């Protein structure tokens, strides 16, 4: 079965979903799973939701941009990279994190990452 999902299977046969192949980001030759960063961001106090999209970058190939919504708590967005660095296997130097009031949503209630990416491209 080809679902388009990326995951791993451990030696006991348990499957861990890592994300969708279509959403993988290649940053300086290294593959990032956006879900890793999104889940790490959501562990931080005050973060309600997170979504990571890729923007074209002449030097890196793609540049990751994370968007977060807040629970109303005061969050020091610039310090989030340092806070999640131990939680992800990536060098977060090229990551940009931005706060948004809300995410565009699909009819099924998922974050519309394609629409979010188009908005990010329009901001450039």
PDB file of N, CA and C in Angstrom:
ATOM      1  N   UNK A   1       0.843  -1.169   0.000  1.00  0.00           N
ATOM      2  CA  UNK A   1       0.000   0.000   0.000  1.00  0.00           C
ATOM      3  C   UNK A   1       0.893   1.239   0.000  1.00  0.00           C
ATOM      4  N   UNK A   2       0.601   2.195  -0.831  1.00  0.00           N
ATOM      5  CA  UNK A   2       1.356   3.445  -0.913  1.00  0.00           C
ATOM      6  C   UNK A   2       0.450   4.584  -0.468  1.00  0.00           C
ATOM      7  N   UNK A   3       0.600   4.970   0.790  1.00  0.00           N
ATOM      8  CA  UNK A   3      -0.266   6.005   1.363  1.00  0.00           C
ATOM      9  C   UNK A   3       0.317   7.399   1.246  1.00  0.00           C
ATOM     10  N   UNK A   4       1.622   7.501   0.959  1.00  0.00           N
ATOM     11  CA  UNK A   4       2.281   8.804   0.940  1.00  0.00           C
ATOM     12  C   UNK A   4       2.817   9.201   2.304  1.00  0.00           C
ATOM     13  N   UNK A   5       2.633   8.329   3.295  1.00  0.00           N
ATOM     14  CA  UNK A   5       3.116   8.599   4.644  1.00  0.00           C
ATOM     15  C   UNK A   5       4.531   8.066   4.808  1.00  0.00           C
ATOM     16  N   UNK A   6       5.335   8.791   5.590  1.00  0.00           N
ATOM     17  CA  UNK A   6       6.700   8.363   5.901  1.00  0.00           C
ATOM     18  C   UNK A   6       6.730   7.911   7.352  1.00  0.00           C
ATOM     19  N   UNK A   7       7.379   6.782   7.586  1.00  0.00           N
ATOM     20  CA  UNK A   7       7.457   6.281   8.949  1.00  0.00           C
ATOM     21  C   UNK A   7       8.569   5.270   9.094  1.00  0.00           C
ATOM     22  N   UNK A   8       8.699   4.772  10.302  1.00  0.00           N
ATOM     23  CA  UNK A   8       9.690   3.741  10.591  1.00  0.00           C
ATOM     24  C   UNK A   8       9.002   2.610  11.339  1.00  0.00           C
ATOM     25  N   UNK A   9       9.603   1.423  11.230  1.00  0.00           N
ATOM     26  CA  UNK A   9       9.104   0.274  11.970  1.00  0.00           C
ATOM     27  C   UNK A   9      10.234  -0.231  12.858  1.00  0.00           C
ATOM     28  N   UNK A  10       9.941  -0.398  14.150  1.00  0.00           N
ATOM     29  CA  UNK A  10      10.984  -0.901  15.049  1.00  0.00           C
ATOM     30  C   UNK A  10      11.030  -2.421  14.992  1.00  0.00           C
ATOM     31  N   UNK A  11      11.951  -3.006  15.709  1.00  0.00           N
ATOM     32  CA  UNK A  11      12.156  -4.456  15.632  1.00  0.00           C
ATOM     33  C   UNK A  11      10.982  -5.256  16.193  1.00  0.00           C
ATOM     34  N   UNK A  12      10.119  -4.597  16.975  1.00  0.00           N
ATOM     35  CA  UNK A  12       8.936  -5.270  17.497  1.00  0.00           C
ATOM     36  C   UNK A  12       7.731  -5.139  16.566  1.00  0.00           C
ATOM     37  N   UNK A  13       7.932  -4.445  15.440  1.00  0.00           N
ATOM     38  CA  UNK A  13       6.861  -4.286  14.467  1.00  0.00           C
ATOM     39  C   UNK A  13       5.985  -3.066  14.674  1.00  0.00           C
ATOM     40  N   UNK A  14       6.346  -2.201  15.624  1.00  0.00           N
ATOM     41  CA  UNK A  14       5.574  -0.979  15.849  1.00  0.00           C
ATOM     42  C   UNK A  14       5.970   0.080  14.825  1.00  0.00           C
ATOM     43  N   UNK A  15       4.972   0.720  14.266  1.00  0.00           N
ATOM     44  CA  UNK A  15       5.192   1.741  13.248  1.00  0.00           C
ATOM     45  C   UNK A  15       5.064   3.120  13.887  1.00  0.00           C
ATOM     46  N   UNK A  16       6.027   3.984  13.591  1.00  0.00           N
ATOM     47  CA  UNK A  16       5.980   5.372  14.032  1.00  0.00           C
ATOM     48  C   UNK A  16       5.857   6.248  12.798  1.00  0.00           C
ATOM     49  N   UNK A  17       4.776   7.015  12.718  1.00  0.00           N
ATOM     50  CA  UNK A  17       4.568   7.897  11.578  1.00  0.00           C
ATOM     51  C   UNK A  17       5.403   9.156  11.765  1.00  0.00           C
ATOM     52  N   UNK A  18       6.135   9.533  10.728  1.00  0.00           N
ATOM     53  CA  UNK A  18       6.998  10.710  10.797  1.00  0.00           C
ATOM     54  C   UNK A  18       6.437  11.885  10.019  1.00  0.00           C
ATOM     55  N   UNK A  19       5.488  11.633   9.125  1.00  0.00           N
ATOM     56  CA  UNK A  19       4.921  12.706   8.317  1.00  0.00           C
ATOM     57  C   UNK A  19       4.559  12.214   6.927  1.00  0.00           C
ATOM     58  N   UNK A  20       4.374  13.146   6.025  1.00  0.00           N
ATOM     59  CA  UNK A  20       4.034  12.833   4.641  1.00  0.00           C
ATOM     60  C   UNK A  20       5.260  13.074   3.770  1.00  0.00           C
ATOM     61  N   UNK A  21       5.477  12.203   2.813  1.00  0.00           N
ATOM     62  CA  UNK A  21       6.615  12.380   1.911  1.00  0.00           C
ATOM     63  C   UNK A  21       6.546  13.732   1.204  1.00  0.00           C
ATOM     64  N   UNK A  22       5.348  14.167   0.851  1.00  0.00           N
ATOM     65  CA  UNK A  22       5.180  15.431   0.137  1.00  0.00           C
ATOM     66  C   UNK A  22       5.571  16.643   0.990  1.00  0.00           C
ATOM     67  N   UNK A  23       5.615  16.481   2.312  1.00  0.00           N
ATOM     68  CA  UNK A  23       5.932  17.592   3.206  1.00  0.00           C
ATOM     69  C   UNK A  23       7.387  17.625   3.649  1.00  0.00           C
ATOM     70  N   UNK A  24       8.188  16.622   3.258  1.00  0.00           N
ATOM     71  CA  UNK A  24       9.589  16.607   3.664  1.00  0.00           C
ATOM     72  C   UNK A  24      10.302  17.851   3.156  1.00  0.00           C
ATOM     73  N   UNK A  25      11.238  18.345   3.962  1.00  0.00           N
ATOM     74  CA  UNK A  25      11.990  19.547   3.629  1.00  0.00           C
ATOM     75  C   UNK A  25      13.465  19.170   3.531  1.00  0.00           C
ATOM     76  N   UNK A  26      14.129  19.615   2.478  1.00  0.00           N
ATOM     77  CA  UNK A  26      15.558  19.372   2.331  1.00  0.00           C
ATOM     78  C   UNK A  26      16.289  20.677   2.598  1.00  0.00           C
ATOM     79  N   UNK A  27      16.993  20.730   3.707  1.00  0.00           N
ATOM     80  CA  UNK A  27      17.698  21.934   4.162  1.00  0.00           C
ATOM     81  C   UNK A  27      19.192  21.662   4.095  1.00  0.00           C
ATOM     82  N   UNK A  28      19.856  22.292   3.148  1.00  0.00           N
ATOM     83  CA  UNK A  28      21.297  22.090   3.012  1.00  0.00           C
ATOM     84  C   UNK A  28      21.678  20.630   2.824  1.00  0.00           C
ATOM     85  N   UNK A  29      20.869  19.881   2.098  1.00  0.00           N
ATOM     86  CA  UNK A  29      21.155  18.481   1.844  1.00  0.00           C
ATOM     87  C   UNK A  29      20.656  17.524   2.910  1.00  0.00           C
ATOM     88  N   UNK A  30      20.082  18.023   3.983  1.00  0.00           N
ATOM     89  CA  UNK A  30      19.582  17.186   5.089  1.00  0.00           C
ATOM     90  C   UNK A  30      18.060  17.190   5.074  1.00  0.00           C
ATOM     91  N   UNK A  31      17.474  16.021   5.184  1.00  0.00           N
ATOM     92  CA  UNK A  31      16.016  15.894   5.178  1.00  0.00           C
ATOM     93  C   UNK A  31      15.446  16.165   6.564  1.00  0.00           C
ATOM     94  N   UNK A  32      14.475  17.059   6.601  1.00  0.00           N
ATOM     95  CA  UNK A  32      13.755  17.379   7.839  1.00  0.00           C
ATOM     96  C   UNK A  32      12.337  16.823   7.737  1.00  0.00           C
ATOM     97  N   UNK A  33      11.866  16.260   8.826  1.00  0.00           N
ATOM     98  CA  UNK A  33      10.469  15.899   8.953  1.00  0.00           C
ATOM     99  C   UNK A  33       9.799  17.045   9.707  1.00  0.00           C
ATOM    100  N   UNK A  34       8.932  17.828   9.053  1.00  0.00           N
ATOM    101  CA  UNK A  34       8.294  18.954   9.729  1.00  0.00           C
ATOM    102  C   UNK A  34       7.592  18.569  11.025  1.00  0.00           C
ATOM    103  N   UNK A  35       7.042  17.369  11.057  1.00  0.00           N
ATOM    104  CA  UNK A  35       6.320  16.930  12.254  1.00  0.00           C
ATOM    105  C   UNK A  35       7.215  16.927  13.486  1.00  0.00           C
ATOM    106  N   UNK A  36       8.506  16.594  13.318  1.00  0.00           N
ATOM    107  CA  UNK A  36       9.429  16.598  14.457  1.00  0.00           C
ATOM    108  C   UNK A  36       9.481  17.981  15.107  1.00  0.00           C
ATOM    109  N   UNK A  37       9.583  19.003  14.282  1.00  0.00           N
ATOM    110  CA  UNK A  37       9.682  20.377  14.775  1.00  0.00           C
ATOM    111  C   UNK A  37       8.334  20.821  15.334  1.00  0.00           C
ATOM    112  N   UNK A  38       7.257  20.477  14.644  1.00  0.00           N
ATOM    113  CA  UNK A  38       5.917  20.863  15.101  1.00  0.00           C
ATOM    114  C   UNK A  38       5.613  20.274  16.475  1.00  0.00           C
ATOM    115  N   UNK A  39       5.911  19.002  16.651  1.00  0.00           N
ATOM    116  CA  UNK A  39       5.643  18.364  17.947  1.00  0.00           C
ATOM    117  C   UNK A  39       6.513  18.953  19.050  1.00  0.00           C
ATOM    118  N   UNK A  40       7.768  19.265  18.730  1.00  0.00           N
ATOM    119  CA  UNK A  40       8.651  19.882  19.724  1.00  0.00           C
ATOM    120  C   UNK A  40       8.117  21.254  20.120  1.00  0.00           C
ATOM    121  N   UNK A  41       7.662  22.027  19.156  1.00  0.00           N
ATOM    122  CA  UNK A  41       7.118  23.351  19.463  1.00  0.00           C
ATOM    123  C   UNK A  41       5.875  23.242  20.343  1.00  0.00           C
ATOM    124  N   UNK A  42       5.037  22.256  20.079  1.00  0.00           N
ATOM    125  CA  UNK A  42       3.796  22.102  20.846  1.00  0.00           C
ATOM    126  C   UNK A  42       4.031  21.633  22.282  1.00  0.00           C
ATOM    127  N   UNK A  43       5.248  21.216  22.610  1.00  0.00           N
ATOM    128  CA  UNK A  43       5.555  20.862  24.002  1.00  0.00           C
ATOM    129  C   UNK A  43       5.864  22.096  24.834  1.00  0.00           C
ATOM    130  N   UNK A  44       6.022  23.236  24.189  1.00  0.00           N
ATOM    131  CA  UNK A  44       6.414  24.452  24.892  1.00  0.00           C
ATOM    132  C   UNK A  44       5.189  25.170  25.461  1.00  0.00           C
ATOM    133  N   UNK A  45       5.341  25.707  26.654  1.00  0.00           N
ATOM    134  CA  UNK A  45       4.244  26.419  27.319  1.00  0.00           C
ATOM    135  C   UNK A  45       3.768  27.571  26.443  1.00  0.00           C
ATOM    136  N   UNK A  46       2.467  27.677  26.310  1.00  0.00           N
ATOM    137  CA  UNK A  46       1.873  28.784  25.568  1.00  0.00           C
ATOM    138  C   UNK A  46       1.650  28.512  24.095  1.00  0.00           C
ATOM    139  N   UNK A  47       2.185  27.412  23.573  1.00  0.00           N
ATOM    140  CA  UNK A  47       2.008  27.094  22.160  1.00  0.00           C
ATOM    141  C   UNK A  47       0.796  26.186  21.997  1.00  0.00           C
ATOM    142  N   UNK A  48      -0.140  26.622  21.174  1.00  0.00           N
ATOM    143  CA  UNK A  48      -1.353  25.847  20.922  1.00  0.00           C
ATOM    144  C   UNK A  48      -1.163  24.895  19.743  1.00  0.00           C
ATOM    145  N   UNK A  49      -0.715  25.440  18.609  1.00  0.00           N
ATOM    146  CA  UNK A  49      -0.520  24.650  17.397  1.00  0.00           C
ATOM    147  C   UNK A  49       0.746  25.120  16.703  1.00  0.00           C
ATOM    148  N   UNK A  50       1.282  24.242  15.842  1.00  0.00           N
ATOM    149  CA  UNK A  50       2.469  24.598  15.068  1.00  0.00           C
ATOM    150  C   UNK A  50       2.386  23.935  13.697  1.00  0.00           C
ATOM    151  N   UNK A  51       2.939  24.622  12.713  1.00  0.00           N
ATOM    152  CA  UNK A  51       3.024  24.086  11.356  1.00  0.00           C
ATOM    153  C   UNK A  51       4.327  24.572  10.738  1.00  0.00           C
ATOM    154  N   UNK A  52       5.024  23.670  10.054  1.00  0.00           N
ATOM    155  CA  UNK A  52       6.293  24.002   9.412  1.00  0.00           C
ATOM    156  C   UNK A  52       6.133  23.818   7.905  1.00  0.00           C
ATOM    157  N   UNK A  53       6.539  24.836   7.161  1.00  0.00           N
ATOM    158  CA  UNK A  53       6.514  24.779   5.703  1.00  0.00           C
ATOM    159  C   UNK A  53       7.904  25.126   5.176  1.00  0.00           C
ATOM    160  N   UNK A  54       8.133  24.801   3.911  1.00  0.00           N
ATOM    161  CA  UNK A  54       9.424  25.077   3.282  1.00  0.00           C
ATOM    162  C   UNK A  54       9.277  26.195   2.262  1.00  0.00           C
ATOM    163  N   UNK A  55      10.231  27.103   2.304  1.00  0.00           N
ATOM    164  CA  UNK A  55      10.302  28.163   1.294  1.00  0.00           C
ATOM    165  C   UNK A  55      11.579  27.970   0.494  1.00  0.00           C
ATOM    166  N   UNK A  56      11.558  28.318  -0.785  1.00  0.00           N
ATOM    167  CA  UNK A  56      12.774  28.175  -1.582  1.00  0.00           C
ATOM    168  C   UNK A  56      13.890  29.049  -1.037  1.00  0.00           C
ATOM    169  N   UNK A  57      15.109  28.529  -1.092  1.00  0.00           N
ATOM    170  CA  UNK A  57      16.276  29.264  -0.624  1.00  0.00           C
ATOM    171  C   UNK A  57      17.437  28.942  -1.567  1.00  0.00           C
ATOM    172  N   UNK A  58      18.043  29.986  -2.136  1.00  0.00           N
ATOM    173  CA  UNK A  58      19.120  29.790  -3.112  1.00  0.00           C
ATOM    174  C   UNK A  58      20.312  29.059  -2.521  1.00  0.00           C
ATOM    175  N   UNK A  59      20.605  29.277  -1.266  1.00  0.00           N
ATOM    176  CA  UNK A  59      21.779  28.673  -0.641  1.00  0.00           C
ATOM    177  C   UNK A  59      21.499  27.277  -0.075  1.00  0.00           C
ATOM    178  N   UNK A  60      20.370  27.116   0.598  1.00  0.00           N
ATOM    179  CA  UNK A  60      20.058  25.869   1.293  1.00  0.00           C
ATOM    180  C   UNK A  60      19.184  24.909   0.499  1.00  0.00           C
ATOM    181  N   UNK A  61      18.576  25.383  -0.558  1.00  0.00           N
ATOM    182  CA  UNK A  61      17.590  24.591  -1.284  1.00  0.00           C
ATOM    183  C   UNK A  61      16.200  24.920  -0.781  1.00  0.00           C
ATOM    184  N   UNK A  62      15.969  24.658   0.483  1.00  0.00           N
ATOM    185  CA  UNK A  62      14.715  25.028   1.133  1.00  0.00           C
ATOM    186  C   UNK A  62      15.020  25.574   2.523  1.00  0.00           C
ATOM    187  N   UNK A  63      14.212  26.536   2.946  1.00  0.00           N
ATOM    188  CA  UNK A  63      14.353  27.125   4.275  1.00  0.00           C
ATOM    189  C   UNK A  63      13.070  26.828   5.055  1.00  0.00           C
ATOM    190  N   UNK A  64      13.214  26.215   6.245  1.00  0.00           N
ATOM    191  CA  UNK A  64      12.035  25.911   7.051  1.00  0.00           C
ATOM    192  C   UNK A  64      11.525  27.148   7.790  1.00  0.00           C
ATOM    193  N   UNK A  65      10.211  27.307   7.754  1.00  0.00           N
ATOM    194  CA  UNK A  65       9.556  28.377   8.500  1.00  0.00           C
ATOM    195  C   UNK A  65       8.461  27.737   9.344  1.00  0.00           C
ATOM    196  N   UNK A  66       8.521  27.958  10.638  1.00  0.00           N
ATOM    197  CA  UNK A  66       7.521  27.420  11.559  1.00  0.00           C
ATOM    198  C   UNK A  66       6.563  28.532  11.954  1.00  0.00           C
ATOM    199  N   UNK A  67       5.293  28.212  11.929  1.00  0.00           N
ATOM    200  CA  UNK A  67       4.256  29.133  12.385  1.00  0.00           C
ATOM    201  C   UNK A  67       3.612  28.515  13.617  1.00  0.00           C
ATOM    202  N   UNK A  68       3.352  29.346  14.612  1.00  0.00           N
ATOM    203  CA  UNK A  68       2.721  28.874  15.840  1.00  0.00           C
ATOM    204  C   UNK A  68       1.531  29.756  16.184  1.00  0.00           C
ATOM    205  N   UNK A  69       0.533  29.136  16.802  1.00  0.00           N
ATOM    206  CA  UNK A  69      -0.550  29.890  17.415  1.00  0.00           C
ATOM    207  C   UNK A  69      -0.373  29.757  18.918  1.00  0.00           C
ATOM    208  N   UNK A  70      -0.822  30.759  19.643  1.00  0.00           N
ATOM    209  CA  UNK A  70      -0.592  30.811  21.085  1.00  0.00           C
ATOM    210  C   UNK A  70      -1.873  30.557  21.863  1.00  0.00           C
ATOM    211  N   UNK A  71      -1.707  30.095  23.095  1.00  0.00           N
ATOM    212  CA  UNK A  71      -2.832  29.863  24.005  1.00  0.00           C
ATOM    213  C   UNK A  71      -3.251  31.123  24.739  1.00  0.00           C
ATOM    214  N   UNK A  72      -2.694  32.248  24.370  1.00  0.00           N
ATOM    215  CA  UNK A  72      -2.981  33.483  25.077  1.00  0.00           C
ATOM    216  C   UNK A  72      -1.903  33.832  26.077  1.00  0.00           C
ATOM    217  N   UNK A  73      -1.036  32.867  26.383  1.00  0.00           N
ATOM    218  CA  UNK A  73       0.073  33.124  27.297  1.00  0.00           C
ATOM    219  C   UNK A  73       1.136  33.953  26.589  1.00  0.00           C
ATOM    220  N   UNK A  74       1.912  34.669  27.359  1.00  0.00           N
ATOM    221  CA  UNK A  74       3.042  35.406  26.789  1.00  0.00           C
ATOM    222  C   UNK A  74       4.127  34.393  26.430  1.00  0.00           C
ATOM    223  N   UNK A  75       4.552  34.413  25.175  1.00  0.00           N
ATOM    224  CA  UNK A  75       5.578  33.484  24.699  1.00  0.00           C
ATOM    225  C   UNK A  75       6.678  34.300  24.045  1.00  0.00           C
ATOM    226  N   UNK A  76       7.898  34.011  24.427  1.00  0.00           N
ATOM    227  CA  UNK A  76       9.053  34.651  23.813  1.00  0.00           C
ATOM    228  C   UNK A  76       9.404  33.833  22.569  1.00  0.00           C
ATOM    229  N   UNK A  77       8.805  34.207  21.436  1.00  0.00           N
ATOM    230  CA  UNK A  77       8.961  33.445  20.200  1.00  0.00           C
ATOM    231  C   UNK A  77      10.430  33.286  19.797  1.00  0.00           C
ATOM    232  N   UNK A  78      11.260  34.328  19.884  1.00  0.00           N
ATOM    233  CA  UNK A  78      12.663  34.138  19.500  1.00  0.00           C
ATOM    234  C   UNK A  78      13.401  33.079  20.324  1.00  0.00           C
ATOM    235  N   UNK A  79      12.996  32.849  21.558  1.00  0.00           N
ATOM    236  CA  UNK A  79      13.689  31.856  22.392  1.00  0.00           C
ATOM    237  C   UNK A  79      13.221  30.426  22.136  1.00  0.00           C
ATOM    238  N   UNK A  80      12.193  30.249  21.319  1.00  0.00           N
ATOM    239  CA  UNK A  80      11.669  28.910  21.069  1.00  0.00           C
ATOM    240  C   UNK A  80      12.684  27.994  20.392  1.00  0.00           C
ATOM    241  N   UNK A  81      13.506  28.547  19.494  1.00  0.00           N
ATOM    242  CA  UNK A  81      14.510  27.707  18.824  1.00  0.00           C
ATOM    243  C   UNK A  81      15.442  27.062  19.831  1.00  0.00           C
ATOM    244  N   UNK A  82      15.927  27.847  20.782  1.00  0.00           N
ATOM    245  CA  UNK A  82      16.811  27.299  21.809  1.00  0.00           C
ATOM    246  C   UNK A  82      16.093  26.268  22.670  1.00  0.00           C
ATOM    247  N   UNK A  83      14.826  26.516  22.947  1.00  0.00           N
ATOM    248  CA  UNK A  83      14.063  25.617  23.807  1.00  0.00           C
ATOM    249  C   UNK A  83      13.835  24.255  23.162  1.00  0.00           C
ATOM    250  N   UNK A  84      13.642  24.228  21.849  1.00  0.00           N
ATOM    251  CA  UNK A  84      13.343  22.946  21.200  1.00  0.00           C
ATOM    252  C   UNK A  84      14.584  22.264  20.614  1.00  0.00           C
ATOM    253  N   UNK A  85      15.718  22.948  20.594  1.00  0.00           N
ATOM    254  CA  UNK A  85      16.937  22.371  20.006  1.00  0.00           C
ATOM    255  C   UNK A  85      17.272  20.981  20.540  1.00  0.00           C
ATOM    256  N   UNK A  86      17.160  20.738  21.861  1.00  0.00           N
ATOM    257  CA  UNK A  86      17.487  19.390  22.354  1.00  0.00           C
ATOM    258  C   UNK A  86      16.447  18.328  21.969  1.00  0.00           C
ATOM    259  N   UNK A  87      15.299  18.762  21.464  1.00  0.00           N
ATOM    260  CA  UNK A  87      14.199  17.838  21.173  1.00  0.00           C
ATOM    261  C   UNK A  87      14.166  17.353  19.730  1.00  0.00           C
ATOM    262  N   UNK A  88      14.966  17.963  18.873  1.00  0.00           N
ATOM    263  CA  UNK A  88      14.954  17.599  17.452  1.00  0.00           C
ATOM    264  C   UNK A  88      16.362  17.273  16.972  1.00  0.00           C
ATOM    265  N   UNK A  89      16.476  16.457  15.922  1.00  0.00           N
ATOM    266  CA  UNK A  89      17.798  16.051  15.441  1.00  0.00           C
ATOM    267  C   UNK A  89      18.393  16.976  14.377  1.00  0.00           C
ATOM    268  N   UNK A  90      17.944  18.214  14.320  1.00  0.00           N
ATOM    269  CA  UNK A  90      18.364  19.130  13.268  1.00  0.00           C
ATOM    270  C   UNK A  90      19.109  20.331  13.834  1.00  0.00           C
ATOM    271  N   UNK A  91      19.965  20.919  13.018  1.00  0.00           N
ATOM    272  CA  UNK A  91      20.564  22.215  13.336  1.00  0.00           C
ATOM    273  C   UNK A  91      19.500  23.252  13.010  1.00  0.00           C
ATOM    274  N   UNK A  92      18.994  23.923  14.001  1.00  0.00           N
ATOM    275  CA  UNK A  92      17.867  24.838  13.820  1.00  0.00           C
ATOM    276  C   UNK A  92      18.268  26.237  13.361  1.00  0.00           C
ATOM    277  N   UNK A  93      19.528  26.445  13.061  1.00  0.00           N
ATOM    278  CA  UNK A  93      19.989  27.765  12.634  1.00  0.00           C
ATOM    279  C   UNK A  93      19.148  28.350  11.506  1.00  0.00           C
ATOM    280  N   UNK A  94      18.813  27.586  10.458  1.00  0.00           N
ATOM    281  CA  UNK A  94      18.055  28.190   9.365  1.00  0.00           C
ATOM    282  C   UNK A  94      16.555  28.338   9.629  1.00  0.00           C
ATOM    283  N   UNK A  95      16.067  27.825  10.743  1.00  0.00           N
ATOM    284  CA  UNK A  95      14.637  27.872  11.045  1.00  0.00           C
ATOM    285  C   UNK A  95      14.204  29.267  11.477  1.00  0.00           C
ATOM    286  N   UNK A  96      13.108  29.717  10.901  1.00  0.00           N
ATOM    287  CA  UNK A  96      12.453  30.951  11.321  1.00  0.00           C
ATOM    288  C   UNK A  96      11.141  30.558  11.994  1.00  0.00           C
ATOM    289  N   UNK A  97      10.825  31.194  13.119  1.00  0.00           N
ATOM    290  CA  UNK A  97       9.566  30.914  13.816  1.00  0.00           C
ATOM    291  C   UNK A  97       8.764  32.206  13.891  1.00  0.00           C
ATOM    292  N   UNK A  98       7.493  32.113  13.474  1.00  0.00           N
ATOM    293  CA  UNK A  98       6.600  33.272  13.481  1.00  0.00           C
ATOM    294  C   UNK A  98       5.296  32.903  14.180  1.00  0.00           C
ATOM    295  N   UNK A  99       4.747  33.874  14.867  1.00  0.00           N
ATOM    296  CA  UNK A  99       3.457  33.692  15.522  1.00  0.00           C
ATOM    297  C   UNK A  99       2.355  34.230  14.611  1.00  0.00           C
ATOM    298  N   UNK A 100       1.251  33.482  14.518  1.00  0.00           N
ATOM    299  CA  UNK A 100       0.087  33.915  13.748  1.00  0.00           C
ATOM    300  C   UNK A 100      -1.147  33.798  14.632  1.00  0.00           C
ATOM    301  N   UNK A 101      -2.158  34.590  14.321  1.00  0.00           N
ATOM    302  CA  UNK A 101      -3.387  34.567  15.111  1.00  0.00           C
ATOM    303  C   UNK A 101      -4.150  33.254  14.929  1.00  0.00           C
ATOM    304  N   UNK A 102      -4.158  32.744  13.693  1.00  0.00           N
ATOM    305  CA  UNK A 102      -4.845  31.487  13.404  1.00  0.00           C
ATOM    306  C   UNK A 102      -4.282  30.897  12.113  1.00  0.00           C
ATOM    307  N   UNK A 103      -4.566  29.633  11.909  1.00  0.00           N
ATOM    308  CA  UNK A 103      -4.124  28.948  10.702  1.00  0.00           C
ATOM    309  C   UNK A 103      -5.263  28.830   9.707  1.00  0.00           C
ATOM    310  N   UNK A 104      -4.943  28.840   8.413  1.00  0.00           N
ATOM    311  CA  UNK A 104      -5.968  28.466   7.439  1.00  0.00           C
ATOM    312  C   UNK A 104      -6.237  26.965   7.620  1.00  0.00           C
ATOM    313  N   UNK A 105      -7.482  26.573   7.530  1.00  0.00           N
ATOM    314  CA  UNK A 105      -7.848  25.180   7.785  1.00  0.00           C
ATOM    315  C   UNK A 105      -8.524  24.564   6.558  1.00  0.00           C
ATOM    316  N   UNK A 106      -8.354  23.255   6.432  1.00  0.00           N
ATOM    317  CA  UNK A 106      -9.026  22.511   5.371  1.00  0.00           C
ATOM    318  C   UNK A 106     -10.453  22.212   5.831  1.00  0.00           C
ATOM    319  N   UNK A 107     -11.313  21.772   4.929  1.00  0.00           N
ATOM    320  CA  UNK A 107     -12.678  21.406   5.347  1.00  0.00           C
ATOM    321  C   UNK A 107     -12.711  20.270   6.372  1.00  0.00           C
ATOM    322  N   UNK A 108     -11.645  19.474   6.434  1.00  0.00           N
ATOM    323  CA  UNK A 108     -11.613  18.365   7.400  1.00  0.00           C
ATOM    324  C   UNK A 108     -10.984  18.771   8.728  1.00  0.00           C
ATOM    325  N   UNK A 109     -10.657  20.066   8.885  1.00  0.00           N
ATOM    326  CA  UNK A 109     -10.143  20.553  10.156  1.00  0.00           C
ATOM    327  C   UNK A 109      -8.645  20.452  10.333  1.00  0.00           C
ATOM    328  N   UNK A 110      -7.908  20.196   9.260  1.00  0.00           N
ATOM    329  CA  UNK A 110      -6.448  20.144   9.336  1.00  0.00           C
ATOM    330  C   UNK A 110      -5.876  21.494   8.909  1.00  0.00           C
ATOM    331  N   UNK A 111      -4.656  21.772   9.350  1.00  0.00           N
ATOM    332  CA  UNK A 111      -3.987  22.998   8.932  1.00  0.00           C
ATOM    333  C   UNK A 111      -3.714  22.914   7.437  1.00  0.00           C
ATOM    334  N   UNK A 112      -4.114  23.943   6.703  1.00  0.00           N
ATOM    335  CA  UNK A 112      -3.927  23.998   5.245  1.00  0.00           C
ATOM    336  C   UNK A 112      -2.517  24.496   4.961  1.00  0.00           C
ATOM    337  N   UNK A 113      -1.563  23.561   4.956  1.00  0.00           N
ATOM    338  CA  UNK A 113      -0.161  23.943   4.792  1.00  0.00           C
ATOM    339  C   UNK A 113       0.127  24.554   3.428  1.00  0.00           C
ATOM    340  N   UNK A 114      -0.560  24.109   2.389  1.00  0.00           N
ATOM    341  CA  UNK A 114      -0.339  24.681   1.059  1.00  0.00           C
ATOM    342  C   UNK A 114      -0.738  26.159   1.054  1.00  0.00           C
ATOM    343  N   UNK A 115      -1.832  26.470   1.693  1.00  0.00           N
ATOM    344  CA  UNK A 115      -2.287  27.861   1.785  1.00  0.00           C
ATOM    345  C   UNK A 115      -1.343  28.683   2.672  1.00  0.00           C
ATOM    346  N   UNK A 116      -0.883  28.083   3.748  1.00  0.00           N
ATOM    347  CA  UNK A 116       0.066  28.745   4.640  1.00  0.00           C
ATOM    348  C   UNK A 116       1.361  29.059   3.894  1.00  0.00           C
ATOM    349  N   UNK A 117       1.829  28.107   3.093  1.00  0.00           N
ATOM    350  CA  UNK A 117       3.048  28.308   2.308  1.00  0.00           C
ATOM    351  C   UNK A 117       2.856  29.429   1.287  1.00  0.00           C
ATOM    352  N   UNK A 118       1.706  29.462   0.640  1.00  0.00           N
ATOM    353  CA  UNK A 118       1.444  30.522  -0.343  1.00  0.00           C
ATOM    354  C   UNK A 118       1.434  31.886   0.330  1.00  0.00           C
ATOM    355  N   UNK A 119       0.876  31.974   1.502  1.00  0.00           N
ATOM    356  CA  UNK A 119       0.900  33.243   2.258  1.00  0.00           C
ATOM    357  C   UNK A 119       2.319  33.633   2.611  1.00  0.00           C
ATOM    358  N   UNK A 120       3.123  32.654   2.998  1.00  0.00           N
ATOM    359  CA  UNK A 120       4.518  32.926   3.342  1.00  0.00           C
ATOM    360  C   UNK A 120       5.296  33.408   2.123  1.00  0.00           C
ATOM    361  N   UNK A 121       5.043  32.809   0.975  1.00  0.00           N
ATOM    362  CA  UNK A 121       5.707  33.239  -0.252  1.00  0.00           C
ATOM    363  C   UNK A 121       5.302  34.657  -0.637  1.00  0.00           C
ATOM    364  N   UNK A 122       4.046  35.004  -0.407  1.00  0.00           N
ATOM    365  CA  UNK A 122       3.550  36.343  -0.725  1.00  0.00           C
ATOM    366  C   UNK A 122       4.167  37.404   0.178  1.00  0.00           C
ATOM    367  N   UNK A 123       4.540  37.023   1.412  1.00  0.00           N
ATOM    368  CA  UNK A 123       5.155  37.957   2.366  1.00  0.00           C
ATOM    369  C   UNK A 123       6.575  38.307   1.996  1.00  0.00           C
ATOM    370  N   UNK A 124       7.244  37.456   1.226  1.00  0.00           N
ATOM    371  CA  UNK A 124       8.670  37.636   0.920  1.00  0.00           C
ATOM    372  C   UNK A 124       8.935  38.839   0.095  1.00  0.00           C
TER     373      UNK A 124
END
